Amino acid sequence: QVQLVESGGGSVQPGGSLRLSCAVSGSIETFYRMGWYRQGPGKERAMVATITRAGFGNYADSVKGRFTISRDTAKNTIYLQMTNLKPEDTAVYYCNGREWTGGETDHWGQGTQVTVSS
């Protein structure tokens, strides 16, 4: 069973930066797409950024220009570099890996808290 383990969350002031990491216990190539989702207080889980096996990234409008998703195949890890953080970015961030097993199967990490507050 492939596991996804997030790290890098924490508390930061508005305008600050954080980098989240998601380590895959097996091969990152298991997934044709990986990404980051977040769930803020009282909100539904929503896509933040995704990256395909070929390295193409896609972003939610609210984070374009501030967040960058990347992957390191050798380390079986994806990252989310977050800059110019805003209080509305406060949420639990989840790593996602999607694989094709005759149908789409989603794998999730346990989540990491990001709090943006002055």
PDB file of N, CA and C in Angstrom:
ATOM      1  N   GLN A   1       0.845  -1.173   0.000  1.00  0.00           N
ATOM      2  CA  GLN A   1       0.000   0.000   0.000  1.00  0.00           C
ATOM      3  C   GLN A   1       0.897   1.245   0.000  1.00  0.00           C
ATOM      4  N   VAL A   2       0.745   2.059  -1.029  1.00  0.00           N
ATOM      5  CA  VAL A   2       1.527   3.282  -1.118  1.00  0.00           C
ATOM      6  C   VAL A   2       1.036   4.267  -0.071  1.00  0.00           C
ATOM      7  N   GLN A   3       1.962   4.948   0.587  1.00  0.00           N
ATOM      8  CA  GLN A   3       1.611   5.962   1.580  1.00  0.00           C
ATOM      9  C   GLN A   3       2.164   7.317   1.176  1.00  0.00           C
ATOM     10  N   LEU A   4       1.406   8.363   1.503  1.00  0.00           N
ATOM     11  CA  LEU A   4       1.823   9.732   1.247  1.00  0.00           C
ATOM     12  C   LEU A   4       1.991  10.420   2.598  1.00  0.00           C
ATOM     13  N   VAL A   5       3.137  11.037   2.812  1.00  0.00           N
ATOM     14  CA  VAL A   5       3.426  11.663   4.102  1.00  0.00           C
ATOM     15  C   VAL A   5       3.810  13.112   3.872  1.00  0.00           C
ATOM     16  N   GLU A   6       2.954  14.011   4.398  1.00  0.00           N
ATOM     17  CA  GLU A   6       3.221  15.440   4.246  1.00  0.00           C
ATOM     18  C   GLU A   6       4.077  15.964   5.389  1.00  0.00           C
ATOM     19  N   SER A   7       4.789  17.028   5.109  1.00  0.00           N
ATOM     20  CA  SER A   7       5.549  17.740   6.137  1.00  0.00           C
ATOM     21  C   SER A   7       5.718  19.184   5.687  1.00  0.00           C
ATOM     22  N   GLY A   8       6.130  20.043   6.624  1.00  0.00           N
ATOM     23  CA  GLY A   8       6.436  21.418   6.265  1.00  0.00           C
ATOM     24  C   GLY A   8       5.401  22.442   6.673  1.00  0.00           C
ATOM     25  N   GLY A   9       4.283  21.999   7.234  1.00  0.00           N
ATOM     26  CA  GLY A   9       3.286  22.962   7.677  1.00  0.00           C
ATOM     27  C   GLY A   9       3.761  23.726   8.893  1.00  0.00           C
ATOM     28  N   GLY A  10       2.977  24.742   9.278  1.00  0.00           N
ATOM     29  CA  GLY A  10       3.333  25.526  10.442  1.00  0.00           C
ATOM     30  C   GLY A  10       2.580  26.829  10.462  1.00  0.00           C
ATOM     31  N   SER A  11       3.040  27.732  11.316  1.00  0.00           N
ATOM     32  CA  SER A  11       2.431  29.045  11.458  1.00  0.00           C
ATOM     33  C   SER A  11       3.353  30.096  10.876  1.00  0.00           C
ATOM     34  N   VAL A  12       2.773  31.047  10.169  1.00  0.00           N
ATOM     35  CA  VAL A  12       3.555  32.095   9.521  1.00  0.00           C
ATOM     36  C   VAL A  12       2.725  33.368   9.483  1.00  0.00           C
ATOM     37  N   GLN A  13       3.399  34.487   9.422  1.00  0.00           N
ATOM     38  CA  GLN A  13       2.709  35.764   9.322  1.00  0.00           C
ATOM     39  C   GLN A  13       2.300  36.030   7.881  1.00  0.00           C
ATOM     40  N   PRO A  14       1.304  36.869   7.687  1.00  0.00           N
ATOM     41  CA  PRO A  14       0.932  37.244   6.315  1.00  0.00           C
ATOM     42  C   PRO A  14       2.132  37.787   5.548  1.00  0.00           C
ATOM     43  N   GLY A  15       2.232  37.368   4.304  1.00  0.00           N
ATOM     44  CA  GLY A  15       3.379  37.737   3.486  1.00  0.00           C
ATOM     45  C   GLY A  15       4.531  36.766   3.560  1.00  0.00           C
ATOM     46  N   GLY A  16       4.451  35.821   4.485  1.00  0.00           N
ATOM     47  CA  GLY A  16       5.522  34.860   4.658  1.00  0.00           C
ATOM     48  C   GLY A  16       5.461  33.712   3.663  1.00  0.00           C
ATOM     49  N   SER A  17       6.399  32.787   3.822  1.00  0.00           N
ATOM     50  CA  SER A  17       6.515  31.655   2.901  1.00  0.00           C
ATOM     51  C   SER A  17       6.650  30.345   3.671  1.00  0.00           C
ATOM     52  N   LEU A  18       6.203  29.285   3.050  1.00  0.00           N
ATOM     53  CA  LEU A  18       6.385  27.931   3.554  1.00  0.00           C
ATOM     54  C   LEU A  18       6.555  27.005   2.369  1.00  0.00           C
ATOM     55  N   ARG A  19       7.226  25.878   2.606  1.00  0.00           N
ATOM     56  CA  ARG A  19       7.306  24.843   1.581  1.00  0.00           C
ATOM     57  C   ARG A  19       6.814  23.532   2.169  1.00  0.00           C
ATOM     58  N   LEU A  20       5.807  22.997   1.540  1.00  0.00           N
ATOM     59  CA  LEU A  20       5.278  21.701   1.928  1.00  0.00           C
ATOM     60  C   LEU A  20       5.939  20.605   1.100  1.00  0.00           C
ATOM     61  N   SER A  21       6.137  19.461   1.731  1.00  0.00           N
ATOM     62  CA  SER A  21       6.671  18.294   1.040  1.00  0.00           C
ATOM     63  C   SER A  21       5.730  17.120   1.212  1.00  0.00           C
ATOM     64  N   CYS A  22       5.683  16.268   0.200  1.00  0.00           N
ATOM     65  CA  CYS A  22       4.888  15.046   0.271  1.00  0.00           C
ATOM     66  C   CYS A  22       5.766  13.909  -0.232  1.00  0.00           C
ATOM     67  N   ALA A  23       6.154  13.043   0.683  1.00  0.00           N
ATOM     68  CA  ALA A  23       6.993  11.908   0.330  1.00  0.00           C
ATOM     69  C   ALA A  23       6.135  10.684   0.068  1.00  0.00           C
ATOM     70  N   VAL A  24       6.422  10.020  -1.054  1.00  0.00           N
ATOM     71  CA  VAL A  24       5.703   8.807  -1.442  1.00  0.00           C
ATOM     72  C   VAL A  24       6.510   7.609  -0.994  1.00  0.00           C
ATOM     73  N   SER A  25       5.849   6.657  -0.303  1.00  0.00           N
ATOM     74  CA  SER A  25       6.579   5.511   0.229  1.00  0.00           C
ATOM     75  C   SER A  25       7.056   4.577  -0.879  1.00  0.00           C
ATOM     76  N   GLY A  26       6.314   4.554  -1.992  1.00  0.00           N
ATOM     77  CA  GLY A  26       6.744   3.747  -3.123  1.00  0.00           C
ATOM     78  C   GLY A  26       7.277   4.647  -4.211  1.00  0.00           C
ATOM     79  N   SER A  27       6.904   4.349  -5.458  1.00  0.00           N
ATOM     80  CA  SER A  27       7.368   5.160  -6.578  1.00  0.00           C
ATOM     81  C   SER A  27       6.351   6.247  -6.907  1.00  0.00           C
ATOM     82  N   ILE A  28       6.867   7.440  -7.118  1.00  0.00           N
ATOM     83  CA  ILE A  28       6.004   8.558  -7.510  1.00  0.00           C
ATOM     84  C   ILE A  28       5.374   8.298  -8.868  1.00  0.00           C
ATOM     85  N   GLU A  29       6.005   7.421  -9.664  1.00  0.00           N
ATOM     86  CA  GLU A  29       5.491   7.099 -10.998  1.00  0.00           C
ATOM     87  C   GLU A  29       4.207   6.253 -10.932  1.00  0.00           C
ATOM     88  N   THR A  30       3.870   5.801  -9.733  1.00  0.00           N
ATOM     89  CA  THR A  30       2.604   5.085  -9.558  1.00  0.00           C
ATOM     90  C   THR A  30       1.432   5.965  -9.970  1.00  0.00           C
ATOM     91  N   PHE A  31       1.590   7.267  -9.764  1.00  0.00           N
ATOM     92  CA  PHE A  31       0.493   8.208  -9.952  1.00  0.00           C
ATOM     93  C   PHE A  31       0.642   8.975 -11.258  1.00  0.00           C
ATOM     94  N   TYR A  32      -0.427   9.068 -12.029  1.00  0.00           N
ATOM     95  CA  TYR A  32      -0.349   9.839 -13.264  1.00  0.00           C
ATOM     96  C   TYR A  32      -0.541  11.324 -12.987  1.00  0.00           C
ATOM     97  N   ARG A  33      -1.049  11.618 -11.790  1.00  0.00           N
ATOM     98  CA  ARG A  33      -1.188  12.994 -11.367  1.00  0.00           C
ATOM     99  C   ARG A  33      -1.075  13.066  -9.850  1.00  0.00           C
ATOM    100  N   MET A  34      -0.391  14.076  -9.365  1.00  0.00           N
ATOM    101  CA  MET A  34      -0.336  14.326  -7.928  1.00  0.00           C
ATOM    102  C   MET A  34      -0.704  15.775  -7.669  1.00  0.00           C
ATOM    103  N   GLY A  35      -1.054  16.066  -6.430  1.00  0.00           N
ATOM    104  CA  GLY A  35      -1.449  17.430  -6.168  1.00  0.00           C
ATOM    105  C   GLY A  35      -1.622  17.737  -4.698  1.00  0.00           C
ATOM    106  N   TRP A  36      -1.982  18.978  -4.467  1.00  0.00           N
ATOM    107  CA  TRP A  36      -2.262  19.469  -3.119  1.00  0.00           C
ATOM    108  C   TRP A  36      -3.691  19.993  -3.075  1.00  0.00           C
ATOM    109  N   TYR A  37      -4.378  19.632  -2.016  1.00  0.00           N
ATOM    110  CA  TYR A  37      -5.720  20.110  -1.749  1.00  0.00           C
ATOM    111  C   TYR A  37      -5.708  20.719  -0.348  1.00  0.00           C
ATOM    112  N   ARG A  38      -6.692  21.549  -0.074  1.00  0.00           N
ATOM    113  CA  ARG A  38      -6.765  22.111   1.266  1.00  0.00           C
ATOM    114  C   ARG A  38      -8.214  22.216   1.736  1.00  0.00           C
ATOM    115  N   GLN A  39      -8.343  22.184   3.051  1.00  0.00           N
ATOM    116  CA  GLN A  39      -9.663  22.308   3.663  1.00  0.00           C
ATOM    117  C   GLN A  39      -9.565  23.302   4.799  1.00  0.00           C
ATOM    118  N   GLY A  40     -10.174  24.470   4.585  1.00  0.00           N
ATOM    119  CA  GLY A  40     -10.189  25.494   5.608  1.00  0.00           C
ATOM    120  C   GLY A  40     -11.324  25.295   6.584  1.00  0.00           C
ATOM    121  N   PRO A  41     -11.333  26.029   7.672  1.00  0.00           N
ATOM    122  CA  PRO A  41     -12.392  25.903   8.674  1.00  0.00           C
ATOM    123  C   PRO A  41     -13.772  26.133   8.057  1.00  0.00           C
ATOM    124  N   GLY A  42     -14.653  25.170   8.216  1.00  0.00           N
ATOM    125  CA  GLY A  42     -16.011  25.298   7.701  1.00  0.00           C
ATOM    126  C   GLY A  42     -16.132  25.218   6.192  1.00  0.00           C
ATOM    127  N   LYS A  43     -15.071  24.789   5.534  1.00  0.00           N
ATOM    128  CA  LYS A  43     -15.091  24.727   4.068  1.00  0.00           C
ATOM    129  C   LYS A  43     -14.898  23.297   3.591  1.00  0.00           C
ATOM    130  N   GLU A  44     -15.250  23.077   2.330  1.00  0.00           N
ATOM    131  CA  GLU A  44     -15.001  21.775   1.724  1.00  0.00           C
ATOM    132  C   GLU A  44     -13.564  21.707   1.211  1.00  0.00           C
ATOM    133  N   ARG A  45     -13.070  20.489   1.072  1.00  0.00           N
ATOM    134  CA  ARG A  45     -11.738  20.304   0.518  1.00  0.00           C
ATOM    135  C   ARG A  45     -11.723  20.773  -0.931  1.00  0.00           C
ATOM    136  N   ALA A  46     -10.667  21.524  -1.293  1.00  0.00           N
ATOM    137  CA  ALA A  46     -10.585  22.094  -2.635  1.00  0.00           C
ATOM    138  C   ALA A  46      -9.189  21.938  -3.202  1.00  0.00           C
ATOM    139  N   MET A  47      -9.118  21.850  -4.512  1.00  0.00           N
ATOM    140  CA  MET A  47      -7.837  21.708  -5.193  1.00  0.00           C
ATOM    141  C   MET A  47      -7.042  22.997  -5.062  1.00  0.00           C
ATOM    142  N   VAL A  48      -5.758  22.859  -4.782  1.00  0.00           N
ATOM    143  CA  VAL A  48      -4.841  23.997  -4.743  1.00  0.00           C
ATOM    144  C   VAL A  48      -3.965  23.985  -5.991  1.00  0.00           C
ATOM    145  N   ALA A  49      -3.324  22.832  -6.222  1.00  0.00           N
ATOM    146  CA  ALA A  49      -2.427  22.700  -7.377  1.00  0.00           C
ATOM    147  C   ALA A  49      -2.249  21.226  -7.686  1.00  0.00           C
ATOM    148  N   THR A  50      -2.092  20.916  -8.963  1.00  0.00           N
ATOM    149  CA  THR A  50      -1.813  19.549  -9.378  1.00  0.00           C
ATOM    150  C   THR A  50      -0.659  19.551 -10.370  1.00  0.00           C
ATOM    151  N   ILE A  51      -0.014  18.400 -10.494  1.00  0.00           N
ATOM    152  CA  ILE A  51       1.078  18.258 -11.444  1.00  0.00           C
ATOM    153  C   ILE A  51       0.998  16.866 -12.054  1.00  0.00           C
ATOM    154  N   THR A  52       1.137  16.816 -13.364  1.00  0.00           N
ATOM    155  CA  THR A  52       1.049  15.531 -14.054  1.00  0.00           C
ATOM    156  C   THR A  52       2.400  14.832 -14.073  1.00  0.00           C
ATOM    157  N   ARG A  53       2.373  13.583 -14.520  1.00  0.00           N
ATOM    158  CA  ARG A  53       3.609  12.813 -14.622  1.00  0.00           C
ATOM    159  C   ARG A  53       4.600  13.520 -15.553  1.00  0.00           C
ATOM    160  N   ALA A  54       4.073  14.237 -16.542  1.00  0.00           N
ATOM    161  CA  ALA A  54       4.933  14.954 -17.492  1.00  0.00           C
ATOM    162  C   ALA A  54       5.407  16.287 -16.936  1.00  0.00           C
ATOM    163  N   GLY A  55       4.886  16.660 -15.762  1.00  0.00           N
ATOM    164  CA  GLY A  55       5.360  17.887 -15.134  1.00  0.00           C
ATOM    165  C   GLY A  55       4.514  19.119 -15.389  1.00  0.00           C
ATOM    166  N   PHE A  56       3.324  18.936 -15.973  1.00  0.00           N
ATOM    167  CA  PHE A  56       2.457  20.079 -16.226  1.00  0.00           C
ATOM    168  C   PHE A  56       1.678  20.430 -14.953  1.00  0.00           C
ATOM    169  N   GLY A  57       1.728  21.697 -14.572  1.00  0.00           N
ATOM    170  CA  GLY A  57       1.069  22.141 -13.362  1.00  0.00           C
ATOM    171  C   GLY A  57      -0.236  22.856 -13.648  1.00  0.00           C
ATOM    172  N   ASN A  58      -1.130  22.779 -12.687  1.00  0.00           N
ATOM    173  CA  ASN A  58      -2.415  23.462 -12.768  1.00  0.00           C
ATOM    174  C   ASN A  58      -2.705  24.043 -11.390  1.00  0.00           C
ATOM    175  N   TYR A  59      -3.242  25.266 -11.342  1.00  0.00           N
ATOM    176  CA  TYR A  59      -3.421  25.953 -10.075  1.00  0.00           C
ATOM    177  C   TYR A  59      -4.828  26.517  -9.913  1.00  0.00           C
ATOM    178  N   ALA A  60      -5.269  26.567  -8.690  1.00  0.00           N
ATOM    179  CA  ALA A  60      -6.490  27.291  -8.380  1.00  0.00           C
ATOM    180  C   ALA A  60      -6.226  28.778  -8.608  1.00  0.00           C
ATOM    181  N   ASP A  61      -7.236  29.502  -9.056  1.00  0.00           N
ATOM    182  CA  ASP A  61      -7.056  30.928  -9.343  1.00  0.00           C
ATOM    183  C   ASP A  61      -6.546  31.690  -8.123  1.00  0.00           C
ATOM    184  N   SER A  62      -6.970  31.281  -6.948  1.00  0.00           N
ATOM    185  CA  SER A  62      -6.634  32.009  -5.724  1.00  0.00           C
ATOM    186  C   SER A  62      -5.152  31.929  -5.354  1.00  0.00           C
ATOM    187  N   VAL A  63      -4.425  30.983  -5.955  1.00  0.00           N
ATOM    188  CA  VAL A  63      -3.006  30.825  -5.591  1.00  0.00           C
ATOM    189  C   VAL A  63      -2.061  31.064  -6.762  1.00  0.00           C
ATOM    190  N   LYS A  64      -2.603  31.306  -7.942  1.00  0.00           N
ATOM    191  CA  LYS A  64      -1.746  31.541  -9.109  1.00  0.00           C
ATOM    192  C   LYS A  64      -0.809  32.725  -8.866  1.00  0.00           C
ATOM    193  N   GLY A  65       0.450  32.518  -9.212  1.00  0.00           N
ATOM    194  CA  GLY A  65       1.441  33.564  -9.017  1.00  0.00           C
ATOM    195  C   GLY A  65       2.063  33.574  -7.631  1.00  0.00           C
ATOM    196  N   ARG A  66       1.479  32.809  -6.706  1.00  0.00           N
ATOM    197  CA  ARG A  66       2.019  32.769  -5.344  1.00  0.00           C
ATOM    198  C   ARG A  66       2.537  31.380  -4.970  1.00  0.00           C
ATOM    199  N   PHE A  67       1.898  30.333  -5.478  1.00  0.00           N
ATOM    200  CA  PHE A  67       2.283  28.961  -5.148  1.00  0.00           C
ATOM    201  C   PHE A  67       2.895  28.296  -6.379  1.00  0.00           C
ATOM    202  N   THR A  68       3.845  27.401  -6.114  1.00  0.00           N
ATOM    203  CA  THR A  68       4.457  26.631  -7.184  1.00  0.00           C
ATOM    204  C   THR A  68       4.540  25.171  -6.769  1.00  0.00           C
ATOM    205  N   ILE A  69       4.025  24.304  -7.614  1.00  0.00           N
ATOM    206  CA  ILE A  69       4.101  22.869  -7.363  1.00  0.00           C
ATOM    207  C   ILE A  69       5.233  22.282  -8.190  1.00  0.00           C
ATOM    208  N   SER A  70       5.942  21.332  -7.597  1.00  0.00           N
ATOM    209  CA  SER A  70       7.039  20.689  -8.322  1.00  0.00           C
ATOM    210  C   SER A  70       7.162  19.244  -7.852  1.00  0.00           C
ATOM    211  N   ARG A  71       7.922  18.456  -8.613  1.00  0.00           N
ATOM    212  CA  ARG A  71       8.128  17.064  -8.262  1.00  0.00           C
ATOM    213  C   ARG A  71       9.574  16.688  -8.464  1.00  0.00           C
ATOM    214  N   ASP A  72      10.054  15.786  -7.633  1.00  0.00           N
ATOM    215  CA  ASP A  72      11.403  15.255  -7.730  1.00  0.00           C
ATOM    216  C   ASP A  72      11.283  13.741  -7.809  1.00  0.00           C
ATOM    217  N   THR A  73      11.433  13.230  -9.018  1.00  0.00           N
ATOM    218  CA  THR A  73      11.235  11.802  -9.226  1.00  0.00           C
ATOM    219  C   THR A  73      12.267  10.981  -8.450  1.00  0.00           C
ATOM    220  N   ALA A  74      13.492  11.460  -8.392  1.00  0.00           N
ATOM    221  CA  ALA A  74      14.561  10.715  -7.713  1.00  0.00           C
ATOM    222  C   ALA A  74      14.272  10.570  -6.220  1.00  0.00           C
ATOM    223  N   LYS A  75      13.607  11.571  -5.643  1.00  0.00           N
ATOM    224  CA  LYS A  75      13.293  11.545  -4.211  1.00  0.00           C
ATOM    225  C   LYS A  75      11.873  11.065  -3.939  1.00  0.00           C
ATOM    226  N   ASN A  76      11.122  10.758  -5.004  1.00  0.00           N
ATOM    227  CA  ASN A  76       9.728  10.342  -4.839  1.00  0.00           C
ATOM    228  C   ASN A  76       8.959  11.334  -3.960  1.00  0.00           C
ATOM    229  N   THR A  77       9.110  12.590  -4.272  1.00  0.00           N
ATOM    230  CA  THR A  77       8.537  13.660  -3.451  1.00  0.00           C
ATOM    231  C   THR A  77       7.971  14.762  -4.338  1.00  0.00           C
ATOM    232  N   ILE A  78       6.850  15.323  -3.905  1.00  0.00           N
ATOM    233  CA  ILE A  78       6.367  16.547  -4.533  1.00  0.00           C
ATOM    234  C   ILE A  78       6.404  17.662  -3.501  1.00  0.00           C
ATOM    235  N   TYR A  79       6.420  18.876  -4.003  1.00  0.00           N
ATOM    236  CA  TYR A  79       6.537  20.039  -3.133  1.00  0.00           C
ATOM    237  C   TYR A  79       5.478  21.076  -3.486  1.00  0.00           C
ATOM    238  N   LEU A  80       5.186  21.920  -2.527  1.00  0.00           N
ATOM    239  CA  LEU A  80       4.357  23.088  -2.776  1.00  0.00           C
ATOM    240  C   LEU A  80       5.056  24.276  -2.117  1.00  0.00           C
ATOM    241  N   GLN A  81       5.641  25.121  -2.951  1.00  0.00           N
ATOM    242  CA  GLN A  81       6.266  26.329  -2.452  1.00  0.00           C
ATOM    243  C   GLN A  81       5.200  27.410  -2.386  1.00  0.00           C
ATOM    244  N   MET A  82       4.988  27.947  -1.198  1.00  0.00           N
ATOM    245  CA  MET A  82       3.943  28.939  -0.992  1.00  0.00           C
ATOM    246  C   MET A  82       4.580  30.253  -0.571  1.00  0.00           C
ATOM    247  N   THR A  83       4.306  31.299  -1.297  1.00  0.00           N
ATOM    248  CA  THR A  83       4.844  32.623  -0.982  1.00  0.00           C
ATOM    249  C   THR A  83       3.698  33.614  -0.833  1.00  0.00           C
ATOM    250  N   ASN A  84       4.022  34.773  -0.263  1.00  0.00           N
ATOM    251  CA  ASN A  84       3.018  35.821  -0.053  1.00  0.00           C
ATOM    252  C   ASN A  84       1.734  35.232   0.548  1.00  0.00           C
ATOM    253  N   LEU A  85       1.900  34.479   1.609  1.00  0.00           N
ATOM    254  CA  LEU A  85       0.765  33.801   2.221  1.00  0.00           C
ATOM    255  C   LEU A  85      -0.213  34.796   2.833  1.00  0.00           C
ATOM    256  N   LYS A  86      -1.489  34.437   2.745  1.00  0.00           N
ATOM    257  CA  LYS A  86      -2.565  35.287   3.239  1.00  0.00           C
ATOM    258  C   LYS A  86      -3.363  34.534   4.303  1.00  0.00           C
ATOM    259  N   PRO A  87      -4.054  35.245   5.169  1.00  0.00           N
ATOM    260  CA  PRO A  87      -4.849  34.559   6.195  1.00  0.00           C
ATOM    261  C   PRO A  87      -5.835  33.553   5.601  1.00  0.00           C
ATOM    262  N   GLU A  88      -6.349  33.838   4.418  1.00  0.00           N
ATOM    263  CA  GLU A  88      -7.303  32.918   3.790  1.00  0.00           C
ATOM    264  C   GLU A  88      -6.652  31.637   3.281  1.00  0.00           C
ATOM    265  N   ASP A  89      -5.335  31.567   3.322  1.00  0.00           N
ATOM    266  CA  ASP A  89      -4.643  30.321   2.977  1.00  0.00           C
ATOM    267  C   ASP A  89      -4.613  29.345   4.156  1.00  0.00           C
ATOM    268  N   THR A  90      -5.061  29.800   5.309  1.00  0.00           N
ATOM    269  CA  THR A  90      -5.093  28.938   6.486  1.00  0.00           C
ATOM    270  C   THR A  90      -5.992  27.731   6.240  1.00  0.00           C
ATOM    271  N   ALA A  91      -5.422  26.548   6.417  1.00  0.00           N
ATOM    272  CA  ALA A  91      -6.159  25.313   6.123  1.00  0.00           C
ATOM    273  C   ALA A  91      -5.294  24.116   6.474  1.00  0.00           C
ATOM    274  N   VAL A  92      -5.914  22.950   6.449  1.00  0.00           N
ATOM    275  CA  VAL A  92      -5.155  21.701   6.453  1.00  0.00           C
ATOM    276  C   VAL A  92      -4.881  21.353   4.999  1.00  0.00           C
ATOM    277  N   TYR A  93      -3.630  21.121   4.681  1.00  0.00           N
ATOM    278  CA  TYR A  93      -3.221  20.818   3.318  1.00  0.00           C
ATOM    279  C   TYR A  93      -2.973  19.322   3.186  1.00  0.00           C
ATOM    280  N   TYR A  94      -3.581  18.751   2.157  1.00  0.00           N
ATOM    281  CA  TYR A  94      -3.484  17.315   1.919  1.00  0.00           C
ATOM    282  C   TYR A  94      -2.789  17.029   0.604  1.00  0.00           C
ATOM    283  N   CYS A  95      -1.927  16.059   0.643  1.00  0.00           N
ATOM    284  CA  CYS A  95      -1.281  15.566  -0.577  1.00  0.00           C
ATOM    285  C   CYS A  95      -2.166  14.489  -1.195  1.00  0.00           C
ATOM    286  N   ASN A  96      -2.257  14.515  -2.499  1.00  0.00           N
ATOM    287  CA  ASN A  96      -3.083  13.547  -3.230  1.00  0.00           C
ATOM    288  C   ASN A  96      -2.286  12.904  -4.347  1.00  0.00           C
ATOM    289  N   GLY A  97      -2.479  11.620  -4.518  1.00  0.00           N
ATOM    290  CA  GLY A  97      -1.935  10.916  -5.671  1.00  0.00           C
ATOM    291  C   GLY A  97      -3.053  10.149  -6.348  1.00  0.00           C
ATOM    292  N   ARG A  98      -3.167  10.288  -7.637  1.00  0.00           N
ATOM    293  CA  ARG A  98      -4.236   9.620  -8.386  1.00  0.00           C
ATOM    294  C   ARG A  98      -3.621   8.607  -9.341  1.00  0.00           C
ATOM    295  N   GLU A  99      -4.062   7.377  -9.255  1.00  0.00           N
ATOM    296  CA  GLU A  99      -3.562   6.346 -10.151  1.00  0.00           C
ATOM    297  C   GLU A  99      -4.717   5.718 -10.917  1.00  0.00           C
ATOM    298  N   TRP A 100      -4.337   5.084 -12.008  1.00  0.00           N
ATOM    299  CA  TRP A 100      -5.346   4.402 -12.831  1.00  0.00           C
ATOM    300  C   TRP A 100      -5.236   2.901 -12.588  1.00  0.00           C
ATOM    301  N   THR A 101      -6.329   2.344 -12.073  1.00  0.00           N
ATOM    302  CA  THR A 101      -6.349   0.904 -11.793  1.00  0.00           C
ATOM    303  C   THR A 101      -7.583   0.306 -12.440  1.00  0.00           C
ATOM    304  N   GLY A 102      -7.820   0.699 -13.702  1.00  0.00           N
ATOM    305  CA  GLY A 102      -9.071   0.313 -14.353  1.00  0.00           C
ATOM    306  C   GLY A 102     -10.141   1.333 -14.055  1.00  0.00           C
ATOM    307  N   GLY A 103      -9.845   2.230 -13.179  1.00  0.00           N
ATOM    308  CA  GLY A 103     -10.659   3.362 -12.774  1.00  0.00           C
ATOM    309  C   GLY A 103      -9.747   4.253 -11.961  1.00  0.00           C
ATOM    310  N   GLU A 104     -10.181   5.461 -11.692  1.00  0.00           N
ATOM    311  CA  GLU A 104      -9.333   6.371 -10.917  1.00  0.00           C
ATOM    312  C   GLU A 104      -9.388   6.002  -9.442  1.00  0.00           C
ATOM    313  N   THR A 105      -8.206   5.938  -8.840  1.00  0.00           N
ATOM    314  CA  THR A 105      -8.103   5.682  -7.409  1.00  0.00           C
ATOM    315  C   THR A 105      -7.292   6.795  -6.783  1.00  0.00           C
ATOM    316  N   ASP A 106      -7.850   7.417  -5.757  1.00  0.00           N
ATOM    317  CA  ASP A 106      -7.174   8.503  -5.059  1.00  0.00           C
ATOM    318  C   ASP A 106      -6.544   8.001  -3.766  1.00  0.00           C
ATOM    319  N   HIS A 107      -5.325   8.474  -3.533  1.00  0.00           N
ATOM    320  CA  HIS A 107      -4.624   8.229  -2.281  1.00  0.00           C
ATOM    321  C   HIS A 107      -4.385   9.570  -1.608  1.00  0.00           C
ATOM    322  N   TRP A 108      -4.510   9.584  -0.277  1.00  0.00           N
ATOM    323  CA  TRP A 108      -4.375  10.835   0.464  1.00  0.00           C
ATOM    324  C   TRP A 108      -3.374  10.695   1.602  1.00  0.00           C
ATOM    325  N   GLY A 109      -2.707  11.815   1.879  1.00  0.00           N
ATOM    326  CA  GLY A 109      -1.879  11.881   3.059  1.00  0.00           C
ATOM    327  C   GLY A 109      -2.732  12.254   4.264  1.00  0.00           C
ATOM    328  N   GLN A 110      -2.077  12.377   5.413  1.00  0.00           N
ATOM    329  CA  GLN A 110      -2.809  12.637   6.644  1.00  0.00           C
ATOM    330  C   GLN A 110      -3.111  14.120   6.837  1.00  0.00           C
ATOM    331  N   GLY A 111      -2.470  14.973   6.071  1.00  0.00           N
ATOM    332  CA  GLY A 111      -2.699  16.410   6.164  1.00  0.00           C
ATOM    333  C   GLY A 111      -1.680  17.106   7.046  1.00  0.00           C
ATOM    334  N   THR A 112      -1.422  18.365   6.723  1.00  0.00           N
ATOM    335  CA  THR A 112      -0.537  19.193   7.517  1.00  0.00           C
ATOM    336  C   THR A 112      -1.163  20.585   7.653  1.00  0.00           C
ATOM    337  N   GLN A 113      -1.123  21.124   8.848  1.00  0.00           N
ATOM    338  CA  GLN A 113      -1.791  22.397   9.124  1.00  0.00           C
ATOM    339  C   GLN A 113      -0.906  23.564   8.710  1.00  0.00           C
ATOM    340  N   VAL A 114      -1.524  24.507   8.006  1.00  0.00           N
ATOM    341  CA  VAL A 114      -0.876  25.780   7.677  1.00  0.00           C
ATOM    342  C   VAL A 114      -1.745  26.889   8.261  1.00  0.00           C
ATOM    343  N   THR A 115      -1.143  27.721   9.095  1.00  0.00           N
ATOM    344  CA  THR A 115      -1.861  28.824   9.724  1.00  0.00           C
ATOM    345  C   THR A 115      -1.154  30.125   9.380  1.00  0.00           C
ATOM    346  N   VAL A 116      -1.912  31.057   8.817  1.00  0.00           N
ATOM    347  CA  VAL A 116      -1.368  32.360   8.447  1.00  0.00           C
ATOM    348  C   VAL A 116      -2.081  33.408   9.304  1.00  0.00           C
ATOM    349  N   SER A 117      -1.322  34.009  10.190  1.00  0.00           N
ATOM    350  CA  SER A 117      -1.923  34.940  11.145  1.00  0.00           C
ATOM    351  C   SER A 117      -0.881  35.898  11.668  1.00  0.00           C
ATOM    352  N   SER A 118      -1.320  37.120  11.938  1.00  0.00           N
ATOM    353  CA  SER A 118      -0.414  38.105  12.527  1.00  0.00           C
ATOM    354  C   SER A 118      -0.538  38.098  14.047  1.00  0.00           C
TER     355      SER A 118
END
